């Protein structure tokens, strides 16, 4: 696969965050995990970087992305 195509895809579909580069879906899943104090014994917990994070606001709404494609 072409390196430029990969770089373009990463730029369009991911954002830098304290955890690393994540897609909108990865970000939503991480933010939806319970906090440590609310988690069960075997639950995956929300990373500490995600607790007060506002980086997810930098993802464009899905409607805007769909308009670009159309």
PDB file of N, CA and C in Angstrom:
ATOM      1  N   UNK A   1       0.848  -1.176   0.000  1.00  0.00           N
ATOM      2  CA  UNK A   1       0.000   0.000   0.000  1.00  0.00           C
ATOM      3  C   UNK A   1       0.891   1.236   0.000  1.00  0.00           C
ATOM      4  N   UNK A   2       0.446   2.268  -0.642  1.00  0.00           N
ATOM      5  CA  UNK A   2       1.195   3.506  -0.779  1.00  0.00           C
ATOM      6  C   UNK A   2       1.272   4.253   0.552  1.00  0.00           C
ATOM      7  N   UNK A   3       2.470   4.672   0.923  1.00  0.00           N
ATOM      8  CA  UNK A   3       2.670   5.381   2.188  1.00  0.00           C
ATOM      9  C   UNK A   3       1.849   6.667   2.234  1.00  0.00           C
ATOM     10  N   UNK A   4       1.768   7.388   1.132  1.00  0.00           N
ATOM     11  CA  UNK A   4       0.995   8.626   1.082  1.00  0.00           C
ATOM     12  C   UNK A   4      -0.488   8.370   1.319  1.00  0.00           C
ATOM     13  N   UNK A   5      -0.999   7.267   0.786  1.00  0.00           N
ATOM     14  CA  UNK A   5      -2.406   6.917   0.990  1.00  0.00           C
ATOM     15  C   UNK A   5      -2.666   6.608   2.458  1.00  0.00           C
ATOM     16  N   UNK A   6      -1.731   5.919   3.094  1.00  0.00           N
ATOM     17  CA  UNK A   6      -1.872   5.596   4.518  1.00  0.00           C
ATOM     18  C   UNK A   6      -1.856   6.876   5.344  1.00  0.00           C
ATOM     19  N   UNK A   7      -0.903   7.759   5.057  1.00  0.00           N
ATOM     20  CA  UNK A   7      -0.810   9.025   5.783  1.00  0.00           C
ATOM     21  C   UNK A   7      -2.084   9.856   5.608  1.00  0.00           C
ATOM     22  N   UNK A   8      -2.630   9.873   4.400  1.00  0.00           N
ATOM     23  CA  UNK A   8      -3.854  10.623   4.125  1.00  0.00           C
ATOM     24  C   UNK A   8      -5.021  10.054   4.931  1.00  0.00           C
ATOM     25  N   UNK A   9      -5.139   8.726   4.943  1.00  0.00           N
ATOM     26  CA  UNK A   9      -6.216   8.086   5.693  1.00  0.00           C
ATOM     27  C   UNK A   9      -6.089   8.402   7.184  1.00  0.00           C
ATOM     28  N   UNK A  10      -4.878   8.288   7.726  1.00  0.00           N
ATOM     29  CA  UNK A  10      -4.664   8.591   9.136  1.00  0.00           C
ATOM     30  C   UNK A  10      -5.046  10.035   9.462  1.00  0.00           C
ATOM     31  N   UNK A  11      -4.677  10.952   8.597  1.00  0.00           N
ATOM     32  CA  UNK A  11      -4.982  12.367   8.824  1.00  0.00           C
ATOM     33  C   UNK A  11      -6.483  12.619   8.798  1.00  0.00           C
ATOM     34  N   UNK A  12      -7.198  11.948   7.907  1.00  0.00           N
ATOM     35  CA  UNK A  12      -8.640  12.159   7.766  1.00  0.00           C
ATOM     36  C   UNK A  12      -9.463  11.449   8.838  1.00  0.00           C
ATOM     37  N   UNK A  13      -9.005  10.276   9.318  1.00  0.00           N
ATOM     38  CA  UNK A  13      -9.840   9.445  10.177  1.00  0.00           C
ATOM     39  C   UNK A  13      -9.382   9.312  11.616  1.00  0.00           C
ATOM     40  N   UNK A  14      -8.233   9.857  11.947  1.00  0.00           N
ATOM     41  CA  UNK A  14      -7.756   9.740  13.321  1.00  0.00           C
ATOM     42  C   UNK A  14      -7.346  11.105  13.851  1.00  0.00           C
ATOM     43  N   UNK A  15      -7.217  11.189  15.155  1.00  0.00           N
ATOM     44  CA  UNK A  15      -6.742  12.397  15.815  1.00  0.00           C
ATOM     45  C   UNK A  15      -5.694  11.999  16.838  1.00  0.00           C
ATOM     46  N   UNK A  16      -4.752  12.913  17.072  1.00  0.00           N
ATOM     47  CA  UNK A  16      -3.771  12.684  18.125  1.00  0.00           C
ATOM     48  C   UNK A  16      -4.443  12.936  19.455  1.00  0.00           C
ATOM     49  N   UNK A  17      -4.146  12.102  20.396  1.00  0.00           N
ATOM     50  CA  UNK A  17      -4.632  12.305  21.750  1.00  0.00           C
ATOM     51  C   UNK A  17      -3.520  11.873  22.698  1.00  0.00           C
ATOM     52  N   UNK A  18      -3.652  12.115  23.988  1.00  0.00           N
ATOM     53  CA  UNK A  18      -2.602  11.705  24.920  1.00  0.00           C
ATOM     54  C   UNK A  18      -2.291  10.201  24.876  1.00  0.00           C
ATOM     55  N   UNK A  19      -3.241   9.391  24.459  1.00  0.00           N
ATOM     56  CA  UNK A  19      -3.029   7.943  24.377  1.00  0.00           C
ATOM     57  C   UNK A  19      -2.285   7.566  23.105  1.00  0.00           C
ATOM     58  N   UNK A  20      -2.508   8.304  22.042  1.00  0.00           N
ATOM     59  CA  UNK A  20      -1.924   8.022  20.739  1.00  0.00           C
ATOM     60  C   UNK A  20      -2.912   8.417  19.660  1.00  0.00           C
ATOM     61  N   UNK A  21      -2.729   7.953  18.447  1.00  0.00           N
ATOM     62  CA  UNK A  21      -3.689   8.257  17.384  1.00  0.00           C
ATOM     63  C   UNK A  21      -4.867   7.308  17.504  1.00  0.00           C
ATOM     64  N   UNK A  22      -6.071   7.871  17.541  1.00  0.00           N
ATOM     65  CA  UNK A  22      -7.273   7.059  17.676  1.00  0.00           C
ATOM     66  C   UNK A  22      -8.320   7.514  16.673  1.00  0.00           C
ATOM     67  N   UNK A  23      -9.184   6.588  16.289  1.00  0.00           N
ATOM     68  CA  UNK A  23     -10.324   6.916  15.442  1.00  0.00           C
ATOM     69  C   UNK A  23     -11.460   7.393  16.338  1.00  0.00           C
ATOM     70  N   UNK A  24     -12.486   7.947  15.701  1.00  0.00           N
ATOM     71  CA  UNK A  24     -13.667   8.391  16.449  1.00  0.00           C
ATOM     72  C   UNK A  24     -14.280   7.213  17.233  1.00  0.00           C
ATOM     73  N   UNK A  25     -14.360   6.054  16.605  1.00  0.00           N
ATOM     74  CA  UNK A  25     -14.964   4.898  17.257  1.00  0.00           C
ATOM     75  C   UNK A  25     -14.142   4.438  18.460  1.00  0.00           C
ATOM     76  N   UNK A  26     -12.831   4.424  18.325  1.00  0.00           N
ATOM     77  CA  UNK A  26     -11.980   4.033  19.453  1.00  0.00           C
ATOM     78  C   UNK A  26     -12.149   5.013  20.598  1.00  0.00           C
ATOM     79  N   UNK A  27     -12.201   6.299  20.279  1.00  0.00           N
ATOM     80  CA  UNK A  27     -12.363   7.330  21.294  1.00  0.00           C
ATOM     81  C   UNK A  27     -13.697   7.153  22.025  1.00  0.00           C
ATOM     82  N   UNK A  28     -14.771   6.925  21.284  1.00  0.00           N
ATOM     83  CA  UNK A  28     -16.086   6.743  21.901  1.00  0.00           C
ATOM     84  C   UNK A  28     -16.105   5.530  22.820  1.00  0.00           C
ATOM     85  N   UNK A  29     -15.479   4.438  22.375  1.00  0.00           N
ATOM     86  CA  UNK A  29     -15.448   3.226  23.202  1.00  0.00           C
ATOM     87  C   UNK A  29     -14.655   3.441  24.479  1.00  0.00           C
ATOM     88  N   UNK A  30     -13.526   4.127  24.380  1.00  0.00           N
ATOM     89  CA  UNK A  30     -12.729   4.397  25.572  1.00  0.00           C
ATOM     90  C   UNK A  30     -13.488   5.292  26.545  1.00  0.00           C
ATOM     91  N   UNK A  31     -14.150   6.321  26.037  1.00  0.00           N
ATOM     92  CA  UNK A  31     -14.888   7.243  26.900  1.00  0.00           C
ATOM     93  C   UNK A  31     -16.125   6.606  27.507  1.00  0.00           C
ATOM     94  N   UNK A  32     -16.654   5.550  26.874  1.00  0.00           N
ATOM     95  CA  UNK A  32     -17.854   4.910  27.400  1.00  0.00           C
ATOM     96  C   UNK A  32     -17.557   3.888  28.497  1.00  0.00           C
ATOM     97  N   UNK A  33     -16.289   3.576  28.693  1.00  0.00           N
ATOM     98  CA  UNK A  33     -15.929   2.631  29.756  1.00  0.00           C
ATOM     99  C   UNK A  33     -16.193   3.252  31.122  1.00  0.00           C
ATOM    100  N   UNK A  34     -16.470   2.427  32.118  1.00  0.00           N
ATOM    101  CA  UNK A  34     -16.725   2.970  33.458  1.00  0.00           C
ATOM    102  C   UNK A  34     -15.451   3.504  34.108  1.00  0.00           C
ATOM    103  N   UNK A  35     -15.647   4.451  35.013  1.00  0.00           N
ATOM    104  CA  UNK A  35     -14.530   4.943  35.808  1.00  0.00           C
ATOM    105  C   UNK A  35     -14.052   3.840  36.741  1.00  0.00           C
ATOM    106  N   UNK A  36     -12.845   3.957  37.227  1.00  0.00           N
ATOM    107  CA  UNK A  36     -12.277   2.929  38.107  1.00  0.00           C
ATOM    108  C   UNK A  36     -13.185   2.694  39.311  1.00  0.00           C
ATOM    109  N   UNK A  37     -13.701   3.787  39.908  1.00  0.00           N
ATOM    110  CA  UNK A  37     -14.524   3.649  41.115  1.00  0.00           C
ATOM    111  C   UNK A  37     -15.864   2.969  40.840  1.00  0.00           C
ATOM    112  N   UNK A  38     -16.322   2.963  39.575  1.00  0.00           N
ATOM    113  CA  UNK A  38     -17.614   2.364  39.230  1.00  0.00           C
ATOM    114  C   UNK A  38     -17.490   1.014  38.537  1.00  0.00           C
ATOM    115  N   UNK A  39     -16.273   0.586  38.277  1.00  0.00           N
ATOM    116  CA  UNK A  39     -16.061  -0.642  37.505  1.00  0.00           C
ATOM    117  C   UNK A  39     -16.200  -1.882  38.364  1.00  0.00           C
ATOM    118  N   UNK A  40     -16.611  -2.947  37.708  1.00  0.00           N
ATOM    119  CA  UNK A  40     -16.651  -4.240  38.367  1.00  0.00           C
ATOM    120  C   UNK A  40     -15.253  -4.848  38.380  1.00  0.00           C
ATOM    121  N   UNK A  41     -15.152  -6.004  38.972  1.00  0.00           N
ATOM    122  CA  UNK A  41     -13.843  -6.638  39.142  1.00  0.00           C
ATOM    123  C   UNK A  41     -13.147  -6.931  37.815  1.00  0.00           C
ATOM    124  N   UNK A  42     -13.905  -7.323  36.789  1.00  0.00           N
ATOM    125  CA  UNK A  42     -13.288  -7.710  35.515  1.00  0.00           C
ATOM    126  C   UNK A  42     -13.595  -6.740  34.380  1.00  0.00           C
ATOM    127  N   UNK A  43     -14.123  -5.568  34.689  1.00  0.00           N
ATOM    128  CA  UNK A  43     -14.442  -4.585  33.659  1.00  0.00           C
ATOM    129  C   UNK A  43     -13.186  -3.878  33.161  1.00  0.00           C
ATOM    130  N   UNK A  44     -13.211  -3.531  31.889  1.00  0.00           N
ATOM    131  CA  UNK A  44     -12.187  -2.646  31.357  1.00  0.00           C
ATOM    132  C   UNK A  44     -12.550  -1.235  31.807  1.00  0.00           C
ATOM    133  N   UNK A  45     -11.597  -0.498  32.313  1.00  0.00           N
ATOM    134  CA  UNK A  45     -11.890   0.834  32.846  1.00  0.00           C
ATOM    135  C   UNK A  45     -11.441   1.924  31.879  1.00  0.00           C
ATOM    136  N   UNK A  46     -12.009   3.102  32.088  1.00  0.00           N
ATOM    137  CA  UNK A  46     -11.644   4.256  31.277  1.00  0.00           C
ATOM    138  C   UNK A  46     -10.209   4.663  31.610  1.00  0.00           C
ATOM    139  N   UNK A  47      -9.376   4.850  30.598  1.00  0.00           N
ATOM    140  CA  UNK A  47      -8.002   5.307  30.864  1.00  0.00           C
ATOM    141  C   UNK A  47      -8.016   6.653  31.584  1.00  0.00           C
ATOM    142  N   UNK A  48      -7.058   6.865  32.445  1.00  0.00           N
ATOM    143  CA  UNK A  48      -7.025   8.109  33.217  1.00  0.00           C
ATOM    144  C   UNK A  48      -6.935   9.332  32.307  1.00  0.00           C
ATOM    145  N   UNK A  49      -6.299   9.186  31.140  1.00  0.00           N
ATOM    146  CA  UNK A  49      -6.212  10.304  30.201  1.00  0.00           C
ATOM    147  C   UNK A  49      -7.580  10.702  29.651  1.00  0.00           C
ATOM    148  N   UNK A  50      -8.535   9.783  29.668  1.00  0.00           N
ATOM    149  CA  UNK A  50      -9.856  10.037  29.090  1.00  0.00           C
ATOM    150  C   UNK A  50     -10.843  10.649  30.090  1.00  0.00           C
ATOM    151  N   UNK A  51     -10.500  10.653  31.363  1.00  0.00           N
ATOM    152  CA  UNK A  51     -11.452  11.090  32.379  1.00  0.00           C
ATOM    153  C   UNK A  51     -11.896  12.538  32.165  1.00  0.00           C
ATOM    154  N   UNK A  52     -10.982  13.456  32.006  1.00  0.00           N
ATOM    155  CA  UNK A  52     -11.334  14.866  31.818  1.00  0.00           C
ATOM    156  C   UNK A  52     -10.988  15.361  30.415  1.00  0.00           C
ATOM    157  N   UNK A  53     -10.882  14.452  29.488  1.00  0.00           N
ATOM    158  CA  UNK A  53     -10.430  14.781  28.135  1.00  0.00           C
ATOM    159  C   UNK A  53     -11.493  15.521  27.335  1.00  0.00           C
ATOM    160  N   UNK A  54     -11.038  16.475  26.559  1.00  0.00           N
ATOM    161  CA  UNK A  54     -11.906  17.189  25.616  1.00  0.00           C
ATOM    162  C   UNK A  54     -11.415  17.034  24.183  1.00  0.00           C
ATOM    163  N   UNK A  55     -10.398  16.189  23.975  1.00  0.00           N
ATOM    164  CA  UNK A  55      -9.855  15.984  22.635  1.00  0.00           C
ATOM    165  C   UNK A  55     -10.905  15.469  21.671  1.00  0.00           C
ATOM    166  N   UNK A  56     -11.882  14.712  22.165  1.00  0.00           N
ATOM    167  CA  UNK A  56     -12.895  14.133  21.292  1.00  0.00           C
ATOM    168  C   UNK A  56     -13.713  15.216  20.605  1.00  0.00           C
ATOM    169  N   UNK A  57     -13.709  16.427  21.151  1.00  0.00           N
ATOM    170  CA  UNK A  57     -14.442  17.525  20.515  1.00  0.00           C
ATOM    171  C   UNK A  57     -13.829  17.920  19.181  1.00  0.00           C
ATOM    172  N   UNK A  58     -12.567  17.511  18.948  1.00  0.00           N
ATOM    173  CA  UNK A  58     -11.892  17.861  17.713  1.00  0.00           C
ATOM    174  C   UNK A  58     -12.250  16.938  16.552  1.00  0.00           C
ATOM    175  N   UNK A  59     -13.012  15.887  16.808  1.00  0.00           N
ATOM    176  CA  UNK A  59     -13.479  15.032  15.721  1.00  0.00           C
ATOM    177  C   UNK A  59     -14.643  15.739  15.039  1.00  0.00           C
ATOM    178  N   UNK A  60     -14.623  15.853  13.713  1.00  0.00           N
ATOM    179  CA  UNK A  60     -15.771  16.479  13.041  1.00  0.00           C
ATOM    180  C   UNK A  60     -16.996  15.581  13.181  1.00  0.00           C
ATOM    181  N   UNK A  61     -18.169  16.188  13.246  1.00  0.00           N
ATOM    182  CA  UNK A  61     -19.393  15.364  13.320  1.00  0.00           C
ATOM    183  C   UNK A  61     -19.492  14.425  12.124  1.00  0.00           C
ATOM    184  N   UNK A  62     -20.118  13.290  12.323  1.00  0.00           N
ATOM    185  CA  UNK A  62     -20.250  12.296  11.251  1.00  0.00           C
ATOM    186  C   UNK A  62     -20.961  12.890  10.038  1.00  0.00           C
ATOM    187  N   UNK A  63     -21.906  13.812  10.249  1.00  0.00           N
ATOM    188  CA  UNK A  63     -22.634  14.383   9.129  1.00  0.00           C
ATOM    189  C   UNK A  63     -21.677  15.139   8.195  1.00  0.00           C
ATOM    190  N   UNK A  64     -20.694  15.861   8.759  1.00  0.00           N
ATOM    191  CA  UNK A  64     -19.744  16.594   7.939  1.00  0.00           C
ATOM    192  C   UNK A  64     -18.893  15.637   7.105  1.00  0.00           C
ATOM    193  N   UNK A  65     -18.480  14.530   7.717  1.00  0.00           N
ATOM    194  CA  UNK A  65     -17.662  13.561   6.988  1.00  0.00           C
ATOM    195  C   UNK A  65     -18.462  12.957   5.849  1.00  0.00           C
ATOM    196  N   UNK A  66     -19.752  12.700   6.057  1.00  0.00           N
ATOM    197  CA  UNK A  66     -20.576  12.113   5.011  1.00  0.00           C
ATOM    198  C   UNK A  66     -20.801  13.104   3.872  1.00  0.00           C
ATOM    199  N   UNK A  67     -20.893  14.405   4.184  1.00  0.00           N
ATOM    200  CA  UNK A  67     -21.064  15.417   3.144  1.00  0.00           C
ATOM    201  C   UNK A  67     -19.835  15.476   2.248  1.00  0.00           C
ATOM    202  N   UNK A  68     -18.630  15.318   2.845  1.00  0.00           N
ATOM    203  CA  UNK A  68     -17.393  15.333   2.063  1.00  0.00           C
ATOM    204  C   UNK A  68     -17.362  14.185   1.075  1.00  0.00           C
ATOM    205  N   UNK A  69     -17.864  13.024   1.501  1.00  0.00           N
ATOM    206  CA  UNK A  69     -17.833  11.826   0.650  1.00  0.00           C
ATOM    207  C   UNK A  69     -18.820  11.982  -0.512  1.00  0.00           C
ATOM    208  N   UNK A  70     -19.968  12.567  -0.240  1.00  0.00           N
ATOM    209  CA  UNK A  70     -21.009  12.691  -1.274  1.00  0.00           C
ATOM    210  C   UNK A  70     -20.696  13.732  -2.305  1.00  0.00           C
TER     211      UNK A  70
END
